[in-house]
Amino acid sequence: MADHRRIVIIDPEKLHQELLGEYLKQLGYDACPVADVSSALDIMATAIVPAALIDIGTAMGEALDAVRKLRAVDPALRIILITGYPTLDGIIKAVRCGVFDFMIKPFGLQDLNDCLQRATAARCEVVLTEAVRQKVSVLQDLLNERNGTLKIGR
C-alpha cells in the first residue's frame, strides 16, 4: 500500500484500535493501531507515516508528550487528537505543540475521513515543497559552478 496512506492510531483501548483500524482499512488506509507512543515510534523508524491519530482520553499532558516525541522524529507528521473532553487550554497547548486537528467525540466517520484527507494532503504538500527546494538548491549550485561564481552566505 502507498506510504501516503499509512496512519498510526495510538489508543490504549484495544477495541478502539480495532474499530478505527477496520474503518480506515475500509477507506483504503494502511492502519497501524498501537497502544502507546513507543510502538508508534517503532513503526515510524521503518516506514513513512504521514498522519497519526491519538486518542487522548482525559490525559492531555500525556498526549502532548506523545505529540512532542512524534514530531521530534518527523516534524512533517500530521497529528490529529481525539478527545471527549475538550478544553480551551488543552486545545491551545496542543496547537502550540503542532497538532494538525482535533476530533471531538462523538464524531462522524465521514468527518474523520475528511480530516485524514486534509492531513495527508498537507503532509504531501510539505514533503513536495521540501523536495522542490532541494532541487532548486542543487540546480543553483550547478549554475554557479558552470558560471564560475561563488555564492556566499547560504
N, C-alpha and C. Protein backbone atom coordinates (compact mmCIF):
# COMPACT_ATOMS: atom_id res chain seq x y z
N MET A 1 0.84 -1.18 0.00
CA MET A 1 0.00 0.00 0.00
C MET A 1 0.89 1.24 0.00
N ALA A 2 0.43 2.31 -0.59
CA ALA A 2 1.22 3.53 -0.71
C ALA A 2 1.52 4.12 0.67
N ASP A 3 2.73 4.63 0.82
CA ASP A 3 3.14 5.20 2.10
C ASP A 3 2.26 6.36 2.54
N HIS A 4 1.75 7.15 1.58
CA HIS A 4 0.95 8.32 1.96
C HIS A 4 -0.41 7.92 2.54
N ARG A 5 -0.73 6.64 2.57
CA ARG A 5 -1.99 6.15 3.12
C ARG A 5 -1.81 5.48 4.49
N ARG A 6 -0.58 5.48 5.03
CA ARG A 6 -0.32 4.83 6.31
C ARG A 6 -0.68 5.79 7.45
N ILE A 7 -1.50 5.29 8.37
CA ILE A 7 -1.94 6.09 9.51
C ILE A 7 -1.69 5.29 10.79
N VAL A 8 -1.00 5.90 11.74
CA VAL A 8 -0.80 5.28 13.04
C VAL A 8 -1.95 5.72 13.94
N ILE A 9 -2.52 4.75 14.63
CA ILE A 9 -3.60 5.01 15.58
C ILE A 9 -3.06 4.67 16.97
N ILE A 10 -2.95 5.68 17.83
CA ILE A 10 -2.45 5.46 19.18
C ILE A 10 -3.64 5.54 20.13
N ASP A 11 -3.95 4.41 20.72
CA ASP A 11 -5.08 4.34 21.65
C ASP A 11 -4.84 3.16 22.60
N PRO A 12 -4.85 3.40 23.90
CA PRO A 12 -4.61 2.30 24.83
C PRO A 12 -5.73 1.26 24.85
N GLU A 13 -6.90 1.61 24.34
CA GLU A 13 -8.04 0.69 24.33
C GLU A 13 -8.01 -0.16 23.07
N LYS A 14 -7.80 -1.45 23.24
CA LYS A 14 -7.68 -2.39 22.12
C LYS A 14 -8.91 -2.35 21.21
N LEU A 15 -10.09 -2.30 21.79
CA LEU A 15 -11.32 -2.28 20.99
C LEU A 15 -11.37 -1.03 20.11
N HIS A 16 -10.99 0.12 20.66
CA HIS A 16 -10.99 1.36 19.87
C HIS A 16 -9.97 1.27 18.74
N GLN A 17 -8.80 0.70 19.02
CA GLN A 17 -7.79 0.49 17.97
C GLN A 17 -8.37 -0.32 16.82
N GLU A 18 -9.02 -1.43 17.19
CA GLU A 18 -9.56 -2.33 16.17
C GLU A 18 -10.66 -1.67 15.36
N LEU A 19 -11.57 -0.96 16.02
CA LEU A 19 -12.68 -0.31 15.32
C LEU A 19 -12.18 0.77 14.36
N LEU A 20 -11.32 1.64 14.87
CA LEU A 20 -10.77 2.69 14.00
C LEU A 20 -9.93 2.08 12.88
N GLY A 21 -9.13 1.10 13.23
CA GLY A 21 -8.28 0.46 12.23
C GLY A 21 -9.09 -0.18 11.12
N GLU A 22 -10.15 -0.86 11.48
CA GLU A 22 -11.00 -1.52 10.47
C GLU A 22 -11.67 -0.47 9.58
N TYR A 23 -12.17 0.59 10.17
CA TYR A 23 -12.79 1.64 9.37
C TYR A 23 -11.80 2.26 8.40
N LEU A 24 -10.60 2.56 8.87
CA LEU A 24 -9.59 3.16 8.00
C LEU A 24 -9.18 2.20 6.88
N LYS A 25 -9.10 0.94 7.19
CA LYS A 25 -8.77 -0.05 6.15
C LYS A 25 -9.86 -0.09 5.08
N GLN A 26 -11.12 0.04 5.48
CA GLN A 26 -12.22 0.08 4.51
C GLN A 26 -12.11 1.30 3.59
N LEU A 27 -11.51 2.36 4.11
CA LEU A 27 -11.32 3.58 3.31
C LEU A 27 -10.06 3.52 2.45
N GLY A 28 -9.29 2.45 2.60
CA GLY A 28 -8.09 2.31 1.79
C GLY A 28 -6.81 2.75 2.47
N TYR A 29 -6.89 3.04 3.76
CA TYR A 29 -5.69 3.42 4.51
C TYR A 29 -4.97 2.17 5.01
N ASP A 30 -3.69 2.31 5.22
CA ASP A 30 -2.89 1.27 5.87
C ASP A 30 -2.87 1.62 7.36
N ALA A 31 -3.84 1.12 8.09
CA ALA A 31 -3.99 1.47 9.50
C ALA A 31 -3.02 0.66 10.35
N CYS A 32 -2.32 1.36 11.24
CA CYS A 32 -1.35 0.74 12.14
C CYS A 32 -1.75 1.06 13.58
N PRO A 33 -2.67 0.28 14.16
CA PRO A 33 -3.09 0.56 15.53
C PRO A 33 -2.05 0.11 16.55
N VAL A 34 -1.77 0.99 17.52
CA VAL A 34 -0.82 0.68 18.59
C VAL A 34 -1.36 1.22 19.91
N ALA A 35 -0.81 0.72 21.01
CA ALA A 35 -1.28 1.12 22.34
C ALA A 35 -0.56 2.33 22.91
N ASP A 36 0.65 2.64 22.38
CA ASP A 36 1.43 3.71 23.00
C ASP A 36 2.37 4.37 21.99
N VAL A 37 2.94 5.48 22.42
CA VAL A 37 3.80 6.26 21.53
C VAL A 37 5.08 5.51 21.18
N SER A 38 5.58 4.70 22.09
CA SER A 38 6.79 3.92 21.82
C SER A 38 6.58 2.99 20.62
N SER A 39 5.44 2.34 20.57
CA SER A 39 5.13 1.46 19.43
C SER A 39 4.97 2.26 18.14
N ALA A 40 4.39 3.46 18.25
CA ALA A 40 4.26 4.32 17.07
C ALA A 40 5.63 4.73 16.55
N LEU A 41 6.54 5.04 17.46
CA LEU A 41 7.91 5.42 17.06
C LEU A 41 8.62 4.25 16.38
N ASP A 42 8.35 3.03 16.83
CA ASP A 42 8.92 1.84 16.18
C ASP A 42 8.46 1.75 14.73
N ILE A 43 7.19 2.01 14.49
CA ILE A 43 6.67 1.98 13.12
C ILE A 43 7.31 3.09 12.30
N MET A 44 7.41 4.28 12.87
CA MET A 44 7.98 5.43 12.16
C MET A 44 9.45 5.23 11.84
N ALA A 45 10.12 4.37 12.59
CA ALA A 45 11.54 4.12 12.34
C ALA A 45 11.75 3.31 11.07
N THR A 46 10.72 2.60 10.63
CA THR A 46 10.88 1.72 9.47
C THR A 46 9.95 2.06 8.31
N ALA A 47 9.05 3.03 8.50
CA ALA A 47 8.07 3.33 7.46
C ALA A 47 7.72 4.81 7.46
N ILE A 48 7.30 5.29 6.31
CA ILE A 48 6.81 6.66 6.20
C ILE A 48 5.39 6.70 6.72
N VAL A 49 5.14 7.62 7.64
CA VAL A 49 3.81 7.77 8.24
C VAL A 49 3.41 9.24 8.11
N PRO A 50 2.44 9.53 7.26
CA PRO A 50 2.05 10.93 7.09
C PRO A 50 1.17 11.49 8.21
N ALA A 51 0.43 10.61 8.90
CA ALA A 51 -0.50 11.11 9.91
C ALA A 51 -0.66 10.11 11.05
N ALA A 52 -1.00 10.68 12.21
CA ALA A 52 -1.26 9.85 13.40
C ALA A 52 -2.52 10.35 14.09
N LEU A 53 -3.31 9.39 14.55
CA LEU A 53 -4.47 9.68 15.38
C LEU A 53 -4.11 9.31 16.81
N ILE A 54 -4.33 10.22 17.75
CA ILE A 54 -4.06 9.93 19.15
C ILE A 54 -5.33 10.16 19.95
N ASP A 55 -5.85 9.10 20.56
CA ASP A 55 -6.99 9.24 21.45
C ASP A 55 -6.43 9.59 22.82
N ILE A 56 -6.73 10.80 23.27
CA ILE A 56 -6.08 11.28 24.49
C ILE A 56 -6.85 10.95 25.76
N GLY A 57 -8.07 10.45 25.66
CA GLY A 57 -8.83 10.20 26.88
C GLY A 57 -8.91 11.48 27.70
N THR A 58 -8.50 11.42 28.94
CA THR A 58 -8.52 12.62 29.80
C THR A 58 -7.12 13.14 30.10
N ALA A 59 -6.09 12.49 29.59
CA ALA A 59 -4.71 12.83 29.94
C ALA A 59 -4.06 13.70 28.86
N MET A 60 -4.42 14.98 28.83
CA MET A 60 -3.87 15.89 27.82
C MET A 60 -2.36 16.01 27.95
N GLY A 61 -1.84 16.02 29.17
CA GLY A 61 -0.38 16.13 29.36
C GLY A 61 0.37 14.99 28.69
N GLU A 62 -0.14 13.77 28.85
CA GLU A 62 0.49 12.61 28.21
C GLU A 62 0.39 12.71 26.69
N ALA A 63 -0.74 13.19 26.21
CA ALA A 63 -0.92 13.33 24.76
C ALA A 63 0.06 14.35 24.19
N LEU A 64 0.27 15.44 24.91
CA LEU A 64 1.21 16.47 24.43
C LEU A 64 2.63 15.95 24.45
N ASP A 65 2.98 15.13 25.44
CA ASP A 65 4.30 14.49 25.44
C ASP A 65 4.45 13.59 24.22
N ALA A 66 3.40 12.85 23.89
CA ALA A 66 3.42 11.98 22.71
C ALA A 66 3.59 12.81 21.44
N VAL A 67 2.88 13.92 21.36
CA VAL A 67 2.99 14.81 20.18
C VAL A 67 4.43 15.29 20.03
N ARG A 68 5.04 15.73 21.12
CA ARG A 68 6.42 16.22 21.07
C ARG A 68 7.38 15.12 20.60
N LYS A 69 7.21 13.92 21.12
CA LYS A 69 8.10 12.81 20.74
C LYS A 69 7.93 12.46 19.27
N LEU A 70 6.70 12.40 18.80
CA LEU A 70 6.45 12.05 17.40
C LEU A 70 6.98 13.13 16.46
N ARG A 71 6.75 14.38 16.79
CA ARG A 71 7.20 15.48 15.92
C ARG A 71 8.71 15.67 15.97
N ALA A 72 9.34 15.22 17.06
CA ALA A 72 10.80 15.26 17.11
C ALA A 72 11.40 14.32 16.08
N VAL A 73 10.73 13.21 15.83
CA VAL A 73 11.19 12.24 14.84
C VAL A 73 10.83 12.70 13.42
N ASP A 74 9.63 13.28 13.27
CA ASP A 74 9.15 13.72 11.95
C ASP A 74 8.32 14.99 12.10
N PRO A 75 8.95 16.15 11.92
CA PRO A 75 8.23 17.42 12.07
C PRO A 75 7.07 17.59 11.08
N ALA A 76 7.10 16.87 9.97
CA ALA A 76 6.02 16.99 8.98
C ALA A 76 4.83 16.09 9.30
N LEU A 77 4.94 15.25 10.31
CA LEU A 77 3.85 14.35 10.69
C LEU A 77 2.63 15.18 11.06
N ARG A 78 1.49 14.80 10.53
CA ARG A 78 0.23 15.48 10.86
C ARG A 78 -0.47 14.67 11.93
N ILE A 79 -0.67 15.31 13.09
CA ILE A 79 -1.24 14.63 14.25
C ILE A 79 -2.64 15.15 14.51
N ILE A 80 -3.56 14.21 14.66
CA ILE A 80 -4.95 14.52 14.96
C ILE A 80 -5.26 13.94 16.34
N LEU A 81 -5.69 14.81 17.24
CA LEU A 81 -6.06 14.36 18.58
C LEU A 81 -7.55 14.06 18.63
N ILE A 82 -7.89 12.96 19.29
CA ILE A 82 -9.28 12.58 19.51
C ILE A 82 -9.55 12.72 21.00
N THR A 83 -10.60 13.47 21.34
CA THR A 83 -10.92 13.67 22.75
C THR A 83 -12.42 13.78 22.97
N GLY A 84 -12.83 13.33 24.11
CA GLY A 84 -14.21 13.51 24.53
C GLY A 84 -14.32 14.63 25.56
N TYR A 85 -13.16 15.19 25.93
CA TYR A 85 -13.10 16.19 26.99
C TYR A 85 -12.30 17.42 26.54
N PRO A 86 -12.78 18.13 25.54
CA PRO A 86 -12.00 19.28 25.06
C PRO A 86 -12.06 20.46 26.04
N THR A 87 -10.92 21.10 26.21
CA THR A 87 -10.86 22.35 26.97
C THR A 87 -10.11 23.36 26.13
N LEU A 88 -10.42 24.62 26.29
CA LEU A 88 -9.75 25.66 25.52
C LEU A 88 -8.26 25.65 25.82
N ASP A 89 -7.89 25.51 27.08
CA ASP A 89 -6.48 25.47 27.47
C ASP A 89 -5.76 24.30 26.79
N GLY A 90 -6.39 23.14 26.79
CA GLY A 90 -5.80 21.96 26.15
C GLY A 90 -5.62 22.15 24.66
N ILE A 91 -6.62 22.73 24.02
CA ILE A 91 -6.55 22.97 22.57
C ILE A 91 -5.42 23.94 22.25
N ILE A 92 -5.31 25.01 23.03
CA ILE A 92 -4.24 25.99 22.79
C ILE A 92 -2.87 25.35 22.94
N LYS A 93 -2.69 24.57 24.00
CA LYS A 93 -1.40 23.90 24.21
C LYS A 93 -1.10 22.92 23.07
N ALA A 94 -2.10 22.20 22.63
CA ALA A 94 -1.90 21.23 21.56
C ALA A 94 -1.53 21.92 20.25
N VAL A 95 -2.19 23.01 19.94
CA VAL A 95 -1.86 23.75 18.72
C VAL A 95 -0.43 24.26 18.79
N ARG A 96 -0.02 24.73 19.94
CA ARG A 96 1.35 25.21 20.11
C ARG A 96 2.37 24.09 19.96
N CYS A 97 1.96 22.85 20.23
CA CYS A 97 2.85 21.69 20.06
C CYS A 97 2.86 21.20 18.61
N GLY A 98 1.98 21.74 17.78
CA GLY A 98 1.97 21.36 16.38
C GLY A 98 0.91 20.36 15.98
N VAL A 99 -0.14 20.23 16.78
CA VAL A 99 -1.24 19.33 16.41
C VAL A 99 -1.94 19.89 15.18
N PHE A 100 -2.24 19.01 14.23
CA PHE A 100 -2.88 19.42 12.98
C PHE A 100 -4.37 19.69 13.16
N ASP A 101 -5.05 18.82 13.90
CA ASP A 101 -6.51 18.97 14.03
C ASP A 101 -7.01 18.18 15.24
N PHE A 102 -8.29 18.39 15.56
CA PHE A 102 -8.95 17.70 16.67
C PHE A 102 -10.21 17.02 16.15
N MET A 103 -10.51 15.88 16.73
CA MET A 103 -11.79 15.23 16.53
C MET A 103 -12.40 15.12 17.92
N ILE A 104 -13.57 15.71 18.09
CA ILE A 104 -14.23 15.70 19.39
C ILE A 104 -15.33 14.65 19.37
N LYS A 105 -15.25 13.72 20.35
CA LYS A 105 -16.24 12.65 20.45
C LYS A 105 -17.57 13.21 20.91
N PRO A 106 -18.64 12.69 20.40
CA PRO A 106 -18.72 11.73 19.30
C PRO A 106 -18.54 12.46 17.97
N PHE A 107 -17.91 11.81 17.02
CA PHE A 107 -17.72 12.42 15.70
C PHE A 107 -18.20 11.44 14.63
N GLY A 108 -18.51 12.00 13.49
CA GLY A 108 -18.96 11.18 12.37
C GLY A 108 -17.76 10.58 11.64
N LEU A 109 -17.93 9.38 11.13
CA LEU A 109 -16.84 8.73 10.42
C LEU A 109 -16.46 9.49 9.15
N GLN A 110 -17.43 10.12 8.51
CA GLN A 110 -17.10 10.93 7.33
C GLN A 110 -16.26 12.13 7.74
N ASP A 111 -16.53 12.70 8.90
CA ASP A 111 -15.71 13.82 9.39
C ASP A 111 -14.27 13.36 9.61
N LEU A 112 -14.10 12.16 10.16
CA LEU A 112 -12.77 11.62 10.36
C LEU A 112 -12.07 11.42 9.02
N ASN A 113 -12.78 10.87 8.05
CA ASN A 113 -12.21 10.67 6.72
C ASN A 113 -11.79 12.01 6.11
N ASP A 114 -12.64 13.02 6.20
CA ASP A 114 -12.31 14.35 5.67
C ASP A 114 -11.07 14.92 6.34
N CYS A 115 -10.99 14.75 7.65
CA CYS A 115 -9.84 15.25 8.40
C CYS A 115 -8.56 14.54 7.96
N LEU A 116 -8.62 13.23 7.81
CA LEU A 116 -7.45 12.47 7.36
C LEU A 116 -7.03 12.85 5.95
N GLN A 117 -7.99 13.11 5.08
CA GLN A 117 -7.65 13.53 3.73
C GLN A 117 -6.92 14.87 3.75
N ARG A 118 -7.39 15.80 4.59
CA ARG A 118 -6.71 17.09 4.71
C ARG A 118 -5.30 16.91 5.28
N ALA A 119 -5.19 16.03 6.28
CA ALA A 119 -3.90 15.80 6.93
C ALA A 119 -2.89 15.19 5.96
N THR A 120 -3.31 14.17 5.22
CA THR A 120 -2.36 13.52 4.30
C THR A 120 -2.02 14.45 3.14
N ALA A 121 -2.97 15.24 2.69
CA ALA A 121 -2.68 16.21 1.63
C ALA A 121 -1.69 17.27 2.12
N ALA A 122 -1.88 17.74 3.35
CA ALA A 122 -0.96 18.73 3.91
C ALA A 122 0.44 18.15 4.06
N ARG A 123 0.52 16.91 4.48
CA ARG A 123 1.82 16.24 4.61
C ARG A 123 2.51 16.15 3.25
N CYS A 124 1.77 15.73 2.23
CA CYS A 124 2.34 15.62 0.88
C CYS A 124 2.84 16.97 0.39
N GLU A 125 2.09 18.02 0.68
CA GLU A 125 2.49 19.37 0.27
C GLU A 125 3.82 19.77 0.91
N VAL A 126 3.97 19.49 2.19
CA VAL A 126 5.21 19.82 2.90
C VAL A 126 6.38 19.05 2.30
N VAL A 127 6.19 17.76 2.08
CA VAL A 127 7.26 16.92 1.54
C VAL A 127 7.63 17.36 0.13
N LEU A 128 6.64 17.64 -0.71
CA LEU A 128 6.92 18.08 -2.08
C LEU A 128 7.61 19.44 -2.11
N THR A 129 7.18 20.33 -1.24
CA THR A 129 7.81 21.65 -1.18
C THR A 129 9.28 21.53 -0.81
N GLU A 130 9.59 20.69 0.15
CA GLU A 130 10.98 20.48 0.56
C GLU A 130 11.79 19.86 -0.57
N ALA A 131 11.20 18.92 -1.29
CA ALA A 131 11.90 18.28 -2.42
C ALA A 131 12.21 19.31 -3.50
N VAL A 132 11.26 20.19 -3.78
CA VAL A 132 11.49 21.24 -4.79
C VAL A 132 12.59 22.19 -4.33
N ARG A 133 12.57 22.57 -3.05
CA ARG A 133 13.63 23.44 -2.52
C ARG A 133 15.01 22.81 -2.69
N GLN A 134 15.10 21.52 -2.41
CA GLN A 134 16.39 20.83 -2.55
C GLN A 134 16.84 20.80 -4.00
N LYS A 135 15.91 20.54 -4.92
CA LYS A 135 16.25 20.50 -6.34
C LYS A 135 16.70 21.88 -6.83
N VAL A 136 16.02 22.92 -6.41
CA VAL A 136 16.40 24.28 -6.79
C VAL A 136 17.79 24.60 -6.26
N SER A 137 18.08 24.19 -5.05
CA SER A 137 19.39 24.44 -4.47
C SER A 137 20.49 23.73 -5.28
N VAL A 138 20.24 22.49 -5.66
CA VAL A 138 21.21 21.74 -6.47
C VAL A 138 21.41 22.41 -7.82
N LEU A 139 20.32 22.82 -8.45
CA LEU A 139 20.42 23.49 -9.75
C LEU A 139 21.17 24.83 -9.63
N GLN A 140 20.90 25.55 -8.55
CA GLN A 140 21.60 26.82 -8.33
C GLN A 140 23.10 26.58 -8.17
N ASP A 141 23.46 25.54 -7.42
CA ASP A 141 24.87 25.21 -7.25
C ASP A 141 25.51 24.84 -8.59
N LEU A 142 24.81 24.08 -9.41
CA LEU A 142 25.33 23.70 -10.73
C LEU A 142 25.52 24.92 -11.62
N LEU A 143 24.54 25.81 -11.60
CA LEU A 143 24.66 27.04 -12.40
C LEU A 143 25.83 27.90 -11.92
N ASN A 144 25.98 28.01 -10.62
CA ASN A 144 27.09 28.80 -10.08
C ASN A 144 28.43 28.19 -10.47
N GLU A 145 28.52 26.86 -10.40
CA GLU A 145 29.76 26.19 -10.82
C GLU A 145 30.04 26.45 -12.29
N ARG A 146 29.03 26.31 -13.09
CA ARG A 146 29.19 26.47 -14.54
C ARG A 146 29.60 27.89 -14.90
N ASN A 147 29.03 28.84 -14.20
CA ASN A 147 29.33 30.25 -14.48
C ASN A 147 30.56 30.74 -13.73
N GLY A 148 31.14 29.88 -12.90
CA GLY A 148 32.34 30.25 -12.16
C GLY A 148 32.08 31.26 -11.06
N THR A 149 30.87 31.30 -10.58
CA THR A 149 30.55 32.24 -9.49
C THR A 149 30.45 31.47 -8.18
N LEU A 150 30.62 32.19 -7.13
CA LEU A 150 30.54 31.60 -5.81
C LEU A 150 29.49 32.36 -5.04
N LYS A 151 28.53 31.65 -4.52
CA LYS A 151 27.50 32.27 -3.73
C LYS A 151 27.90 32.17 -2.27
N ILE A 152 28.02 33.29 -1.61
CA ILE A 152 28.47 33.33 -0.22
C ILE A 152 27.28 33.64 0.67
N GLY A 153 27.28 33.02 1.86
CA GLY A 153 26.27 33.33 2.85
C GLY A 153 25.05 32.45 2.79
N ARG A 154 25.13 31.32 2.11
CA ARG A 154 23.97 30.45 2.05
C ARG A 154 24.11 29.33 3.00
